[in-house]
Amino acid sequence: MDNTERFTIDLNRPLLKDGPNFLSHTVVIKRHIAYLRPTITSMLFCMVYIVVGSFLMALAAHLIMEAHKYDLIIFVGAFGVAITTFGVLLIRPFLQRASFNKKSGVFDNKKDRDVKLHHIDSLQINNKIIQRKNALSYQCFELNMLTQHGRRINILNHNNQQQLMLDALLLSTFLKVEIQDYRREIIL
């Protein structure tokens, strides 16, 4: 009697439920390392919150010296701290750099267990629809990595199909693995 259970993984199902409506990262290859670099627009988006929040905190500090309206000072200062904190929390994931290092032979994305590069079987491209209650729906794409041990790890997730295809091609050439295209026609 065989007690081995068989599991089926649906590779058409997206790995992540959500995704950005902008280009967040691109793949950069330098000699023996490939890494994800945040785009300038995604960094500027986060920096706006940090700059505005810092300005409000500076304004609150200026108001302490000029005026004695403590309720206004507390409100402006607290609002500045909240906006700056939001900006810092928003920018942190962009600064954590996922990388494929041929010297060490490891993929490291700072959140999952490291994967040895020779365990990577292929790259996978998926598409999905992101639906919002009070906004327009949009299409988003995933670039995932499939390993010999059945793991599927997300590498990139954004809505720029051309850039994702280019990044997948760069990574597949760098890693010497194939690309499996699981995109399907989706009509919005």
N, C-alpha and C. Protein backbone atom coordinates (compact mmCIF):
# COMPACT_ATOMS: atom_id res chain seq x y z
N MET A 1 0.85 -1.18 0.00
CA MET A 1 0.00 0.00 0.00
C MET A 1 0.89 1.24 0.00
N ASP A 2 0.59 2.17 -0.88
CA ASP A 2 1.41 3.38 -1.04
C ASP A 2 0.75 4.53 -0.27
N ASN A 3 1.44 5.04 0.75
CA ASN A 3 0.91 6.14 1.55
C ASN A 3 1.38 7.50 1.05
N THR A 4 2.03 7.51 -0.09
CA THR A 4 2.55 8.76 -0.62
C THR A 4 1.41 9.59 -1.20
N GLU A 5 1.28 10.82 -0.70
CA GLU A 5 0.27 11.72 -1.23
C GLU A 5 0.86 12.49 -2.39
N ARG A 6 0.03 12.77 -3.37
CA ARG A 6 0.48 13.56 -4.51
C ARG A 6 -0.17 14.93 -4.43
N PHE A 7 0.66 15.94 -4.59
CA PHE A 7 0.19 17.31 -4.57
C PHE A 7 0.36 17.91 -5.95
N THR A 8 -0.62 18.66 -6.35
CA THR A 8 -0.55 19.34 -7.64
C THR A 8 -0.46 20.83 -7.38
N ILE A 9 0.51 21.46 -8.01
CA ILE A 9 0.67 22.90 -7.88
C ILE A 9 0.15 23.54 -9.14
N ASP A 10 -0.79 24.45 -9.00
CA ASP A 10 -1.36 25.16 -10.15
C ASP A 10 -0.44 26.33 -10.49
N LEU A 11 0.35 26.16 -11.54
CA LEU A 11 1.30 27.20 -11.92
C LEU A 11 0.63 28.38 -12.60
N ASN A 12 -0.62 28.24 -12.99
CA ASN A 12 -1.35 29.36 -13.58
C ASN A 12 -1.82 30.35 -12.52
N ARG A 13 -1.91 29.88 -11.28
CA ARG A 13 -2.37 30.74 -10.19
C ARG A 13 -1.25 31.70 -9.80
N PRO A 14 -1.55 33.00 -9.70
CA PRO A 14 -0.52 33.95 -9.27
C PRO A 14 -0.05 33.64 -7.86
N LEU A 15 1.20 33.94 -7.60
CA LEU A 15 1.78 33.70 -6.28
C LEU A 15 1.36 34.78 -5.29
N LEU A 16 1.30 36.03 -5.76
CA LEU A 16 0.91 37.16 -4.92
C LEU A 16 -0.46 37.67 -5.35
N LYS A 17 -1.25 38.15 -4.40
CA LYS A 17 -2.58 38.65 -4.72
C LYS A 17 -2.55 40.09 -5.23
N ASP A 18 -1.61 40.88 -4.74
CA ASP A 18 -1.57 42.30 -5.07
C ASP A 18 -0.36 42.60 -5.93
N GLY A 19 -0.29 43.82 -6.43
CA GLY A 19 0.86 44.23 -7.23
C GLY A 19 0.78 45.70 -7.57
N PRO A 20 1.92 46.34 -7.77
CA PRO A 20 1.92 47.78 -8.06
C PRO A 20 1.46 48.09 -9.48
N ASN A 21 0.92 49.28 -9.64
CA ASN A 21 0.46 49.76 -10.94
C ASN A 21 1.55 50.62 -11.58
N PHE A 22 2.81 50.34 -11.28
CA PHE A 22 3.93 51.09 -11.84
C PHE A 22 5.15 50.16 -11.87
N LEU A 23 6.15 50.55 -12.63
CA LEU A 23 7.40 49.79 -12.71
C LEU A 23 8.20 50.05 -11.44
N SER A 24 8.42 49.03 -10.63
CA SER A 24 9.08 49.22 -9.34
C SER A 24 10.57 48.89 -9.35
N HIS A 25 10.96 47.84 -10.05
CA HIS A 25 12.35 47.39 -10.07
C HIS A 25 12.74 46.94 -11.48
N THR A 26 14.03 46.95 -11.74
CA THR A 26 14.57 46.36 -12.96
C THR A 26 15.75 45.47 -12.58
N VAL A 27 16.06 44.53 -13.46
CA VAL A 27 17.19 43.62 -13.22
C VAL A 27 18.45 44.26 -13.78
N VAL A 28 19.50 44.24 -12.98
CA VAL A 28 20.82 44.75 -13.39
C VAL A 28 21.82 43.61 -13.23
N ILE A 29 22.64 43.40 -14.25
CA ILE A 29 23.65 42.34 -14.20
C ILE A 29 25.03 42.98 -14.29
N LYS A 30 25.85 42.66 -13.30
CA LYS A 30 27.25 43.13 -13.28
C LYS A 30 28.14 41.93 -12.97
N ARG A 31 28.92 41.52 -13.94
CA ARG A 31 29.85 40.39 -13.85
C ARG A 31 29.18 39.14 -13.30
N HIS A 32 29.44 38.82 -12.04
CA HIS A 32 28.96 37.57 -11.43
C HIS A 32 27.70 37.75 -10.58
N ILE A 33 27.09 38.93 -10.62
CA ILE A 33 25.92 39.18 -9.78
C ILE A 33 24.80 39.83 -10.58
N ALA A 34 23.58 39.36 -10.34
CA ALA A 34 22.38 39.98 -10.90
C ALA A 34 21.53 40.42 -9.72
N TYR A 35 21.04 41.66 -9.77
CA TYR A 35 20.25 42.14 -8.64
C TYR A 35 19.09 43.00 -9.13
N LEU A 36 18.13 43.23 -8.25
CA LEU A 36 16.97 44.06 -8.55
C LEU A 36 17.25 45.47 -8.06
N ARG A 37 17.17 46.43 -8.97
CA ARG A 37 17.40 47.83 -8.60
C ARG A 37 16.07 48.57 -8.68
N PRO A 38 15.72 49.34 -7.64
CA PRO A 38 14.48 50.12 -7.70
C PRO A 38 14.59 51.21 -8.76
N THR A 39 13.48 51.51 -9.40
CA THR A 39 13.48 52.56 -10.42
C THR A 39 13.49 53.93 -9.75
N ILE A 40 13.88 54.92 -10.50
CA ILE A 40 13.94 56.29 -9.98
C ILE A 40 12.54 56.77 -9.60
N THR A 41 11.54 56.45 -10.42
CA THR A 41 10.17 56.91 -10.12
C THR A 41 9.64 56.30 -8.84
N SER A 42 9.93 55.03 -8.58
CA SER A 42 9.45 54.42 -7.34
C SER A 42 10.14 55.02 -6.12
N MET A 43 11.42 55.33 -6.26
CA MET A 43 12.14 55.97 -5.15
C MET A 43 11.65 57.40 -4.92
N LEU A 44 11.40 58.13 -6.00
CA LEU A 44 10.88 59.50 -5.86
C LEU A 44 9.51 59.51 -5.20
N PHE A 45 8.67 58.54 -5.55
CA PHE A 45 7.35 58.43 -4.95
C PHE A 45 7.47 58.33 -3.43
N CYS A 46 8.38 57.50 -2.96
CA CYS A 46 8.59 57.34 -1.51
C CYS A 46 9.22 58.58 -0.89
N MET A 47 10.16 59.18 -1.62
CA MET A 47 10.87 60.35 -1.10
C MET A 47 9.95 61.55 -0.90
N VAL A 48 8.89 61.65 -1.71
CA VAL A 48 7.94 62.76 -1.56
C VAL A 48 7.37 62.75 -0.15
N TYR A 49 6.98 61.58 0.35
CA TYR A 49 6.43 61.48 1.70
C TYR A 49 7.47 61.88 2.75
N ILE A 50 8.69 61.44 2.57
CA ILE A 50 9.74 61.76 3.53
C ILE A 50 10.03 63.26 3.55
N VAL A 51 10.10 63.87 2.37
CA VAL A 51 10.39 65.31 2.28
C VAL A 51 9.25 66.13 2.86
N VAL A 52 8.01 65.80 2.49
CA VAL A 52 6.85 66.55 3.01
C VAL A 52 6.76 66.40 4.53
N GLY A 53 6.94 65.19 5.03
CA GLY A 53 6.91 64.97 6.48
C GLY A 53 8.01 65.72 7.20
N SER A 54 9.20 65.72 6.63
CA SER A 54 10.33 66.45 7.23
C SER A 54 10.07 67.95 7.23
N PHE A 55 9.48 68.44 6.14
CA PHE A 55 9.13 69.86 6.08
C PHE A 55 8.13 70.22 7.19
N LEU A 56 7.13 69.37 7.39
CA LEU A 56 6.14 69.65 8.44
C LEU A 56 6.78 69.61 9.83
N MET A 57 7.72 68.70 10.05
CA MET A 57 8.41 68.67 11.35
C MET A 57 9.28 69.92 11.54
N ALA A 58 9.93 70.37 10.47
CA ALA A 58 10.73 71.60 10.55
C ALA A 58 9.82 72.80 10.79
N LEU A 59 8.66 72.81 10.15
CA LEU A 59 7.69 73.88 10.36
C LEU A 59 7.22 73.90 11.81
N ALA A 60 6.98 72.72 12.39
CA ALA A 60 6.58 72.65 13.80
C ALA A 60 7.69 73.18 14.71
N ALA A 61 8.94 72.86 14.39
CA ALA A 61 10.07 73.38 15.18
C ALA A 61 10.16 74.90 15.07
N HIS A 62 9.90 75.42 13.86
CA HIS A 62 9.92 76.87 13.65
C HIS A 62 8.77 77.54 14.42
N LEU A 63 7.61 76.90 14.43
CA LEU A 63 6.45 77.46 15.13
C LEU A 63 6.67 77.51 16.64
N ILE A 64 7.46 76.59 17.17
CA ILE A 64 7.76 76.61 18.61
C ILE A 64 8.48 77.90 18.97
N MET A 65 9.39 78.33 18.10
CA MET A 65 10.18 79.54 18.38
C MET A 65 9.40 80.82 18.11
N GLU A 66 8.53 80.82 17.14
CA GLU A 66 7.81 82.03 16.73
C GLU A 66 6.48 82.20 17.44
N ALA A 67 5.69 81.17 17.46
CA ALA A 67 4.33 81.28 18.01
C ALA A 67 4.20 80.38 19.23
N HIS A 68 3.21 80.67 20.01
CA HIS A 68 2.96 79.86 21.19
C HIS A 68 1.61 79.17 21.08
N LYS A 69 1.29 78.72 19.87
CA LYS A 69 0.05 77.98 19.63
C LYS A 69 0.39 76.49 19.69
N TYR A 70 0.39 75.96 20.88
CA TYR A 70 0.87 74.60 21.08
C TYR A 70 -0.01 73.54 20.43
N ASP A 71 -1.31 73.81 20.33
CA ASP A 71 -2.18 72.83 19.67
C ASP A 71 -1.83 72.71 18.19
N LEU A 72 -1.54 73.83 17.52
CA LEU A 72 -1.13 73.82 16.11
C LEU A 72 0.24 73.15 15.96
N ILE A 73 1.15 73.45 16.87
CA ILE A 73 2.50 72.87 16.83
C ILE A 73 2.44 71.34 16.97
N ILE A 74 1.64 70.88 17.92
CA ILE A 74 1.50 69.43 18.14
C ILE A 74 0.88 68.76 16.92
N PHE A 75 -0.16 69.39 16.35
CA PHE A 75 -0.83 68.82 15.18
C PHE A 75 0.12 68.74 13.99
N VAL A 76 0.80 69.84 13.67
CA VAL A 76 1.71 69.87 12.51
C VAL A 76 2.88 68.91 12.73
N GLY A 77 3.44 68.91 13.94
CA GLY A 77 4.57 68.02 14.25
C GLY A 77 4.18 66.55 14.17
N ALA A 78 3.04 66.20 14.76
CA ALA A 78 2.58 64.80 14.74
C ALA A 78 2.25 64.36 13.31
N PHE A 79 1.63 65.24 12.54
CA PHE A 79 1.31 64.93 11.15
C PHE A 79 2.60 64.73 10.35
N GLY A 80 3.60 65.56 10.61
CA GLY A 80 4.90 65.43 9.95
C GLY A 80 5.59 64.12 10.29
N VAL A 81 5.55 63.74 11.57
CA VAL A 81 6.15 62.47 12.00
C VAL A 81 5.43 61.30 11.33
N ALA A 82 4.10 61.36 11.27
CA ALA A 82 3.32 60.27 10.66
C ALA A 82 3.65 60.13 9.17
N ILE A 83 3.71 61.24 8.45
CA ILE A 83 3.99 61.18 7.01
C ILE A 83 5.42 60.71 6.76
N THR A 84 6.37 61.19 7.55
CA THR A 84 7.77 60.75 7.39
C THR A 84 7.90 59.26 7.68
N THR A 85 7.26 58.81 8.74
CA THR A 85 7.30 57.38 9.09
C THR A 85 6.71 56.54 7.97
N PHE A 86 5.59 56.99 7.40
CA PHE A 86 4.98 56.28 6.28
C PHE A 86 5.95 56.20 5.10
N GLY A 87 6.62 57.30 4.79
CA GLY A 87 7.60 57.32 3.70
C GLY A 87 8.76 56.38 3.93
N VAL A 88 9.27 56.34 5.16
CA VAL A 88 10.38 55.45 5.49
C VAL A 88 9.94 53.99 5.39
N LEU A 89 8.74 53.68 5.90
CA LEU A 89 8.23 52.31 5.80
C LEU A 89 7.98 51.92 4.34
N LEU A 90 7.61 52.88 3.52
CA LEU A 90 7.36 52.63 2.10
C LEU A 90 8.66 52.38 1.34
N ILE A 91 9.72 53.07 1.71
CA ILE A 91 10.98 52.97 0.97
C ILE A 91 11.83 51.76 1.38
N ARG A 92 11.64 51.26 2.59
CA ARG A 92 12.46 50.15 3.08
C ARG A 92 12.45 48.92 2.18
N PRO A 93 11.28 48.43 1.72
CA PRO A 93 11.30 47.25 0.84
C PRO A 93 12.04 47.50 -0.47
N PHE A 94 12.04 48.75 -0.95
CA PHE A 94 12.74 49.06 -2.19
C PHE A 94 14.25 48.97 -2.01
N LEU A 95 14.73 49.24 -0.81
CA LEU A 95 16.17 49.25 -0.55
C LEU A 95 16.73 47.86 -0.24
N GLN A 96 15.87 46.91 0.11
CA GLN A 96 16.33 45.54 0.34
C GLN A 96 16.55 44.90 -1.02
N ARG A 97 17.77 44.63 -1.34
CA ARG A 97 18.14 44.21 -2.69
C ARG A 97 18.20 42.69 -2.80
N ALA A 98 17.33 42.11 -3.63
CA ALA A 98 17.41 40.68 -3.94
C ALA A 98 18.51 40.48 -4.97
N SER A 99 19.29 39.39 -4.80
CA SER A 99 20.41 39.20 -5.72
C SER A 99 20.65 37.73 -6.03
N PHE A 100 21.19 37.50 -7.22
CA PHE A 100 21.65 36.19 -7.66
C PHE A 100 23.17 36.31 -7.77
N ASN A 101 23.90 35.62 -6.91
CA ASN A 101 25.35 35.75 -6.86
C ASN A 101 26.01 34.46 -7.34
N LYS A 102 26.69 34.51 -8.49
CA LYS A 102 27.33 33.32 -9.03
C LYS A 102 28.58 32.91 -8.24
N LYS A 103 29.25 33.87 -7.60
CA LYS A 103 30.43 33.52 -6.79
C LYS A 103 30.04 32.67 -5.59
N SER A 104 29.02 33.11 -4.86
CA SER A 104 28.57 32.34 -3.70
C SER A 104 27.59 31.25 -4.11
N GLY A 105 27.03 31.35 -5.33
CA GLY A 105 26.10 30.34 -5.83
C GLY A 105 24.75 30.39 -5.16
N VAL A 106 24.32 31.60 -4.73
CA VAL A 106 23.10 31.72 -3.92
C VAL A 106 22.21 32.86 -4.41
N PHE A 107 20.88 32.62 -4.35
CA PHE A 107 19.88 33.68 -4.51
C PHE A 107 19.46 34.10 -3.11
N ASP A 108 19.48 35.41 -2.85
CA ASP A 108 19.11 35.93 -1.53
C ASP A 108 18.16 37.10 -1.73
N ASN A 109 16.93 36.98 -1.22
CA ASN A 109 15.98 38.09 -1.32
C ASN A 109 15.65 38.71 0.04
N LYS A 110 16.39 38.38 1.05
CA LYS A 110 16.30 38.97 2.40
C LYS A 110 15.02 38.58 3.15
N LYS A 111 14.17 37.70 2.56
CA LYS A 111 12.98 37.31 3.32
C LYS A 111 12.76 35.80 3.31
N ASP A 112 13.02 35.12 2.19
CA ASP A 112 12.91 33.66 2.13
C ASP A 112 14.26 33.04 2.43
N ARG A 113 14.26 31.73 2.60
CA ARG A 113 15.53 31.03 2.74
C ARG A 113 16.32 31.19 1.45
N ASP A 114 17.63 31.26 1.57
CA ASP A 114 18.48 31.35 0.38
C ASP A 114 18.29 30.11 -0.49
N VAL A 115 18.43 30.29 -1.80
CA VAL A 115 18.30 29.19 -2.76
C VAL A 115 19.62 29.07 -3.50
N LYS A 116 20.15 27.86 -3.58
CA LYS A 116 21.36 27.65 -4.37
C LYS A 116 21.00 27.79 -5.85
N LEU A 117 21.83 28.47 -6.59
CA LEU A 117 21.53 28.75 -7.99
C LEU A 117 21.37 27.48 -8.82
N HIS A 118 22.10 26.42 -8.49
CA HIS A 118 21.96 25.19 -9.27
C HIS A 118 20.66 24.45 -8.97
N HIS A 119 19.90 24.89 -7.96
CA HIS A 119 18.59 24.31 -7.67
C HIS A 119 17.47 25.01 -8.44
N ILE A 120 17.78 26.10 -9.11
CA ILE A 120 16.76 26.83 -9.87
C ILE A 120 16.51 26.10 -11.19
N ASP A 121 15.26 25.67 -11.40
CA ASP A 121 14.88 24.95 -12.61
C ASP A 121 14.52 25.89 -13.75
N SER A 122 13.68 26.87 -13.43
CA SER A 122 13.20 27.77 -14.48
C SER A 122 12.64 29.04 -13.87
N LEU A 123 12.34 29.98 -14.75
CA LEU A 123 11.64 31.21 -14.37
C LEU A 123 10.23 31.12 -14.94
N GLN A 124 9.29 31.73 -14.27
CA GLN A 124 7.89 31.65 -14.66
C GLN A 124 7.31 33.05 -14.74
N ILE A 125 6.53 33.29 -15.78
CA ILE A 125 5.83 34.57 -15.93
C ILE A 125 4.34 34.32 -15.84
N ASN A 126 3.68 35.07 -14.97
CA ASN A 126 2.22 35.01 -14.79
C ASN A 126 1.64 36.39 -14.96
N ASN A 127 0.36 36.45 -15.27
CA ASN A 127 -0.34 37.73 -15.24
C ASN A 127 -1.59 37.58 -14.39
N LYS A 128 -2.10 38.71 -13.94
CA LYS A 128 -3.28 38.72 -13.07
C LYS A 128 -3.95 40.07 -13.18
N ILE A 129 -5.16 40.15 -12.68
CA ILE A 129 -5.92 41.40 -12.63
C ILE A 129 -5.99 41.84 -11.17
N ILE A 130 -5.63 43.08 -10.93
CA ILE A 130 -5.75 43.66 -9.59
C ILE A 130 -7.03 44.48 -9.60
N GLN A 131 -7.95 44.12 -8.72
CA GLN A 131 -9.23 44.82 -8.65
C GLN A 131 -9.31 45.61 -7.36
N ARG A 132 -9.68 46.86 -7.49
CA ARG A 132 -9.84 47.76 -6.35
C ARG A 132 -11.31 48.15 -6.25
N LYS A 133 -11.76 48.40 -5.03
CA LYS A 133 -13.16 48.80 -4.84
C LYS A 133 -13.46 50.14 -5.49
N ASN A 134 -12.62 51.13 -5.21
CA ASN A 134 -12.91 52.50 -5.65
C ASN A 134 -11.95 53.00 -6.72
N ALA A 135 -11.33 52.09 -7.45
CA ALA A 135 -10.39 52.51 -8.50
C ALA A 135 -10.51 51.56 -9.68
N LEU A 136 -9.84 51.91 -10.75
CA LEU A 136 -9.85 51.08 -11.94
C LEU A 136 -9.05 49.80 -11.71
N SER A 137 -9.50 48.73 -12.33
CA SER A 137 -8.73 47.48 -12.30
C SER A 137 -7.58 47.60 -13.29
N TYR A 138 -6.50 46.89 -13.03
CA TYR A 138 -5.36 46.92 -13.94
C TYR A 138 -4.68 45.56 -13.96
N GLN A 139 -3.94 45.34 -15.04
CA GLN A 139 -3.23 44.10 -15.20
C GLN A 139 -1.85 44.20 -14.55
N CYS A 140 -1.40 43.12 -13.95
CA CYS A 140 -0.11 43.08 -13.28
C CYS A 140 0.59 41.77 -13.66
N PHE A 141 1.91 41.76 -13.63
CA PHE A 141 2.68 40.60 -14.04
C PHE A 141 3.64 40.18 -12.93
N GLU A 142 3.88 38.87 -12.84
CA GLU A 142 4.80 38.31 -11.85
C GLU A 142 5.92 37.58 -12.57
N LEU A 143 7.12 37.69 -12.03
CA LEU A 143 8.24 36.85 -12.45
C LEU A 143 8.61 36.02 -11.23
N ASN A 144 8.40 34.71 -11.35
CA ASN A 144 8.67 33.79 -10.25
C ASN A 144 9.81 32.84 -10.61
N MET A 145 10.41 32.28 -9.60
CA MET A 145 11.48 31.32 -9.76
C MET A 145 10.98 29.96 -9.29
N LEU A 146 11.18 28.92 -10.09
CA LEU A 146 10.79 27.56 -9.73
C LEU A 146 12.05 26.76 -9.41
N THR A 147 12.02 26.03 -8.29
CA THR A 147 13.21 25.27 -7.88
C THR A 147 12.97 23.77 -8.05
N GLN A 148 14.05 23.02 -7.96
CA GLN A 148 13.97 21.56 -8.06
C GLN A 148 13.15 20.96 -6.94
N HIS A 149 13.07 21.64 -5.82
CA HIS A 149 12.37 21.11 -4.65
C HIS A 149 10.91 21.56 -4.57
N GLY A 150 10.41 22.13 -5.66
CA GLY A 150 9.00 22.50 -5.72
C GLY A 150 8.66 23.86 -5.15
N ARG A 151 9.66 24.64 -4.81
CA ARG A 151 9.37 25.99 -4.29
C ARG A 151 9.14 26.93 -5.45
N ARG A 152 8.28 27.88 -5.20
CA ARG A 152 8.01 28.94 -6.18
C ARG A 152 8.18 30.25 -5.42
N ILE A 153 9.17 31.05 -5.84
CA ILE A 153 9.52 32.27 -5.12
C ILE A 153 9.35 33.46 -6.05
N ASN A 154 8.66 34.50 -5.58
CA ASN A 154 8.46 35.69 -6.39
C ASN A 154 9.75 36.51 -6.46
N ILE A 155 10.06 36.97 -7.68
CA ILE A 155 11.23 37.82 -7.88
C ILE A 155 10.80 39.24 -8.17
N LEU A 156 9.90 39.41 -9.12
CA LEU A 156 9.41 40.73 -9.53
C LEU A 156 7.90 40.71 -9.64
N ASN A 157 7.29 41.88 -9.45
CA ASN A 157 5.84 41.99 -9.49
C ASN A 157 5.50 43.43 -9.83
N HIS A 158 5.10 43.70 -11.07
CA HIS A 158 4.67 45.05 -11.46
C HIS A 158 3.85 44.98 -12.74
N ASN A 159 3.42 46.14 -13.27
CA ASN A 159 2.50 46.11 -14.40
C ASN A 159 3.15 46.44 -15.75
N ASN A 160 4.46 46.52 -15.83
CA ASN A 160 5.12 46.83 -17.09
C ASN A 160 5.55 45.52 -17.76
N GLN A 161 4.71 45.05 -18.69
CA GLN A 161 4.92 43.75 -19.32
C GLN A 161 6.23 43.69 -20.12
N GLN A 162 6.52 44.73 -20.89
CA GLN A 162 7.74 44.74 -21.70
C GLN A 162 8.99 44.64 -20.83
N GLN A 163 9.04 45.43 -19.78
CA GLN A 163 10.22 45.41 -18.90
C GLN A 163 10.34 44.07 -18.19
N LEU A 164 9.21 43.49 -17.77
CA LEU A 164 9.26 42.20 -17.09
C LEU A 164 9.78 41.12 -18.03
N MET A 165 9.36 41.16 -19.30
CA MET A 165 9.84 40.18 -20.29
C MET A 165 11.35 40.35 -20.51
N LEU A 166 11.80 41.59 -20.59
CA LEU A 166 13.23 41.86 -20.76
C LEU A 166 14.03 41.38 -19.55
N ASP A 167 13.52 41.67 -18.35
CA ASP A 167 14.19 41.22 -17.13
C ASP A 167 14.23 39.70 -17.04
N ALA A 168 13.13 39.04 -17.44
CA ALA A 168 13.10 37.57 -17.44
C ALA A 168 14.14 37.01 -18.40
N LEU A 169 14.26 37.61 -19.56
CA LEU A 169 15.25 37.17 -20.55
C LEU A 169 16.68 37.36 -20.02
N LEU A 170 16.94 38.51 -19.41
CA LEU A 170 18.27 38.76 -18.83
C LEU A 170 18.60 37.73 -17.75
N LEU A 171 17.63 37.49 -16.85
CA LEU A 171 17.87 36.53 -15.76
C LEU A 171 18.02 35.11 -16.28
N SER A 172 17.21 34.72 -17.26
CA SER A 172 17.31 33.35 -17.77
C SER A 172 18.65 33.12 -18.46
N THR A 173 19.16 34.14 -19.14
CA THR A 173 20.48 34.04 -19.76
C THR A 173 21.57 33.97 -18.69
N PHE A 174 21.45 34.79 -17.67
CA PHE A 174 22.43 34.83 -16.58
C PHE A 174 22.46 33.49 -15.83
N LEU A 175 21.27 32.93 -15.55
CA LEU A 175 21.17 31.69 -14.78
C LEU A 175 21.22 30.43 -15.65
N LYS A 176 21.10 30.61 -16.96
CA LYS A 176 21.06 29.49 -17.91
C LYS A 176 19.89 28.55 -17.61
N VAL A 177 18.70 29.15 -17.45
CA VAL A 177 17.47 28.38 -17.24
C VAL A 177 16.43 28.86 -18.24
N GLU A 178 15.39 28.05 -18.42
CA GLU A 178 14.34 28.42 -19.37
C GLU A 178 13.28 29.31 -18.71
N ILE A 179 12.50 29.97 -19.56
CA ILE A 179 11.37 30.79 -19.11
C ILE A 179 10.09 30.05 -19.45
N GLN A 180 9.22 29.88 -18.47
CA GLN A 180 7.91 29.29 -18.71
C GLN A 180 6.88 30.41 -18.68
N ASP A 181 6.19 30.58 -19.78
CA ASP A 181 5.24 31.67 -19.91
C ASP A 181 3.83 31.17 -19.62
N TYR A 182 3.27 31.56 -18.48
CA TYR A 182 1.92 31.16 -18.08
C TYR A 182 0.93 32.32 -18.19
N ARG A 183 1.28 33.33 -18.98
CA ARG A 183 0.34 34.43 -19.17
C ARG A 183 -0.87 33.93 -19.94
N ARG A 184 -2.01 34.48 -19.64
CA ARG A 184 -3.24 34.14 -20.36
C ARG A 184 -3.93 35.42 -20.75
N GLU A 185 -4.78 35.32 -21.74
CA GLU A 185 -5.48 36.52 -22.22
C GLU A 185 -6.51 36.93 -21.18
N ILE A 186 -6.39 38.17 -20.76
CA ILE A 186 -7.32 38.72 -19.78
C ILE A 186 -7.92 39.98 -20.38
N ILE A 187 -9.23 40.05 -20.39
CA ILE A 187 -9.93 41.22 -20.93
C ILE A 187 -10.48 42.01 -19.76
N LEU A 188 -10.07 43.27 -19.69
CA LEU A 188 -10.53 44.14 -18.60
C LEU A 188 -11.91 44.67 -18.89
